[in-house]
C-alpha atoms as a PDB file:
ATOM      1  CA  MET A   1      -0.244  -0.174  -0.088  1.00  0.00           C
ATOM      2  CA  ALA A   2       1.136   3.477  -0.896  1.00  0.00           C
ATOM      3  CA  TYR A   3       1.771   5.897   1.868  1.00  0.00           C
ATOM      4  CA  GLU A   4      -0.770   8.410   0.715  1.00  0.00           C
ATOM      5  CA  ASP A   5      -3.437   5.086   0.645  1.00  0.00           C
ATOM      6  CA  ILE A   6      -2.053   4.116   4.449  1.00  0.00           C
ATOM      7  CA  ARG A   7      -2.583   8.068   5.618  1.00  0.00           C
ATOM      8  CA  ALA A   8      -5.700   8.472   4.351  1.00  0.00           C
ATOM      9  CA  ALA A   9      -6.729   5.032   5.923  1.00  0.00           C
ATOM     10  CA  ILE A  10      -5.267   6.502   9.262  1.00  0.00           C
ATOM     11  CA  ASP A  11      -7.077  10.064   8.991  1.00  0.00           C
ATOM     12  CA  LEU A  12     -10.050   7.740   8.268  1.00  0.00           C
ATOM     13  CA  ILE A  13      -9.816   5.883  11.391  1.00  0.00           C
ATOM     14  CA  THR A  14      -8.622   9.252  13.831  1.00  0.00           C
ATOM     15  CA  ASP A  15     -11.773  10.369  12.429  1.00  0.00           C
ATOM     16  CA  GLN A  16     -13.961   7.714  13.727  1.00  0.00           C
ATOM     17  CA  ILE A  17     -12.045   7.510  16.588  1.00  0.00           C
ATOM     18  CA  ALA A  18     -13.480  10.947  17.374  1.00  0.00           C
ATOM     19  CA  ARG A  19     -17.162  10.142  16.160  1.00  0.00           C
ATOM     20  CA  HIS A  20     -17.398   6.714  18.240  1.00  0.00           C
ATOM     21  CA  PRO A  21     -15.312   6.920  21.180  1.00  0.00           C
ATOM     22  CA  GLU A  22     -16.830   3.620  22.483  1.00  0.00           C
ATOM     23  CA  ASP A  23     -15.286   1.356  19.598  1.00  0.00           C
ATOM     24  CA  ARG A  24     -11.849   3.114  20.871  1.00  0.00           C
ATOM     25  CA  ALA A  25     -10.014  -0.136  21.710  1.00  0.00           C
ATOM     26  CA  ARG A  26     -10.863  -1.711  18.253  1.00  0.00           C
ATOM     27  CA  LEU A  27      -9.972   1.518  16.411  1.00  0.00           C
ATOM     28  CA  HIS A  28      -6.356   2.024  18.443  1.00  0.00           C
ATOM     29  CA  ARG A  29      -5.595  -1.322  17.467  1.00  0.00           C
ATOM     30  CA  GLN A  30      -6.124  -0.712  13.883  1.00  0.00           C
ATOM     31  CA  LEU A  31      -4.659   2.530  13.888  1.00  0.00           C
ATOM     32  CA  CYS A  32      -1.556   0.693  15.356  1.00  0.00           C
ATOM     33  CA  ALA A  33      -1.840  -2.122  12.640  1.00  0.00           C
ATOM     34  CA  ARG A  34      -1.641   0.631  10.238  1.00  0.00           C
ATOM     35  CA  LEU A  35       1.571   2.445  11.867  1.00  0.00           C
ATOM     36  CA  ALA A  36       3.108  -0.868  12.030  1.00  0.00           C
ATOM     37  CA  GLU A  37       2.612  -1.228   8.347  1.00  0.00           C
ATOM     38  CA  MET A  38       4.093   1.622   7.610  1.00  0.00           C
ATOM     39  CA  ARG A  39       7.204   0.627   9.486  1.00  0.00           C
ATOM     40  CA  ARG A  40       7.399  -2.541   7.649  1.00  0.00           C
ATOM     41  CA  GLN A  41       7.401  -0.584   4.363  1.00  0.00           C
ATOM     42  CA  GLY A  42      10.171   1.270   5.040  1.00  0.00           C
ATOM     43  CA  LEU A  43       8.401   4.403   5.160  1.00  0.00           C
ATOM     44  CA  ALA A  44       8.433   7.471   7.432  1.00  0.00           C
ATOM     45  CA  VAL A  45       6.472   7.846  10.497  1.00  0.00           C
ATOM     46  CA  PRO A  46       5.290  11.195  11.020  1.00  0.00           C
ATOM     47  CA  ALA A  47       6.230  12.606  13.914  1.00  0.00           C
ATOM     48  CA  ASP A  48       2.308  13.236  15.018  1.00  0.00           C
ATOM     49  CA  LEU A  49       1.527   9.897  14.620  1.00  0.00           C
ATOM     50  CA  ALA A  50       4.588   8.199  16.377  1.00  0.00           C
ATOM     51  CA  ASP A  51       3.464  10.447  19.346  1.00  0.00           C
ATOM     52  CA  LEU A  52       0.076   9.161  18.862  1.00  0.00           C
ATOM     53  CA  ALA A  53       1.261   5.835  18.985  1.00  0.00           C
ATOM     54  CA  VAL A  54       2.902   6.505  22.157  1.00  0.00           C
ATOM     55  CA  GLN A  55       0.048   8.060  23.796  1.00  0.00           C
ATOM     56  CA  ILE A  56      -2.131   4.844  22.931  1.00  0.00           C
ATOM     57  CA  SER A  57       1.024   2.582  23.291  1.00  0.00           C
ATOM     58  CA  CYS A  58       0.798   0.801  20.013  1.00  0.00           C
ATOM     59  CA  ASP A  59       4.376  -0.395  20.570  1.00  0.00           C
ATOM     60  CA  ASN A  60       2.913  -2.606  23.578  1.00  0.00           C
ATOM     61  CA  ASP A  61       1.862  -5.921  22.144  1.00  0.00           C
ATOM     62  CA  ASP A  62       1.214  -7.301  25.803  1.00  0.00           C
ATOM     63  CA  THR A  63      -2.434  -5.583  25.862  1.00  0.00           C
ATOM     64  CA  ASP A  64      -3.803  -6.559  29.442  1.00  0.00           C
ATOM     65  CA  ALA A  65      -7.259  -7.701  29.112  1.00  0.00           C
ATOM     66  CA  SER A  66      -8.108  -5.477  32.194  1.00  0.00           C
ATOM     67  CA  ASP A  67      -7.081  -2.512  30.656  1.00  0.00           C
ATOM     68  CA  GLU A  68      -9.064  -3.075  27.597  1.00  0.00           C
ATOM     69  CA  ALA A  69     -12.239  -3.405  30.264  1.00  0.00           C
ATOM     70  CA  ALA A  70     -11.078  -0.806  31.785  1.00  0.00           C
ATOM     71  CA  ASP A  71     -11.479   1.404  28.336  1.00  0.00           C
ATOM     72  CA  LEU A  72     -15.087   0.114  27.954  1.00  0.00           C
ATOM     73  CA  PHE A  73     -16.317   2.301  30.613  1.00  0.00           C
ATOM     74  CA  ASP A  74     -14.886   5.291  30.126  1.00  0.00           C
ATOM     75  CA  ASN A  75     -17.330   6.763  28.551  1.00  0.00           C
ATOM     76  CA  MET A  76     -19.971   5.858  31.210  1.00  0.00           C
ATOM     77  CA  PRO A  77     -22.214   8.434  32.361  1.00  0.00           C
ATOM     78  CA  VAL A  78     -21.993   8.750  36.145  1.00  0.00           C
END
């Protein structure tokens, strides 16, 4: 996939995260997969996306199930 295609997919995912915060965990995994695809292809990951990857822990493949469960309730009204 070309850089422009991957970047467009990443932009779409970030828009979906903003519109559907309840799907954040799934969308974060998709975003991490796209960033990993960029790295595998030897493409430069822009600084803003690299910072985002750090924020959502893309490099941490040992995601804990309790973390995902906690994310589920982040948007619940009190």
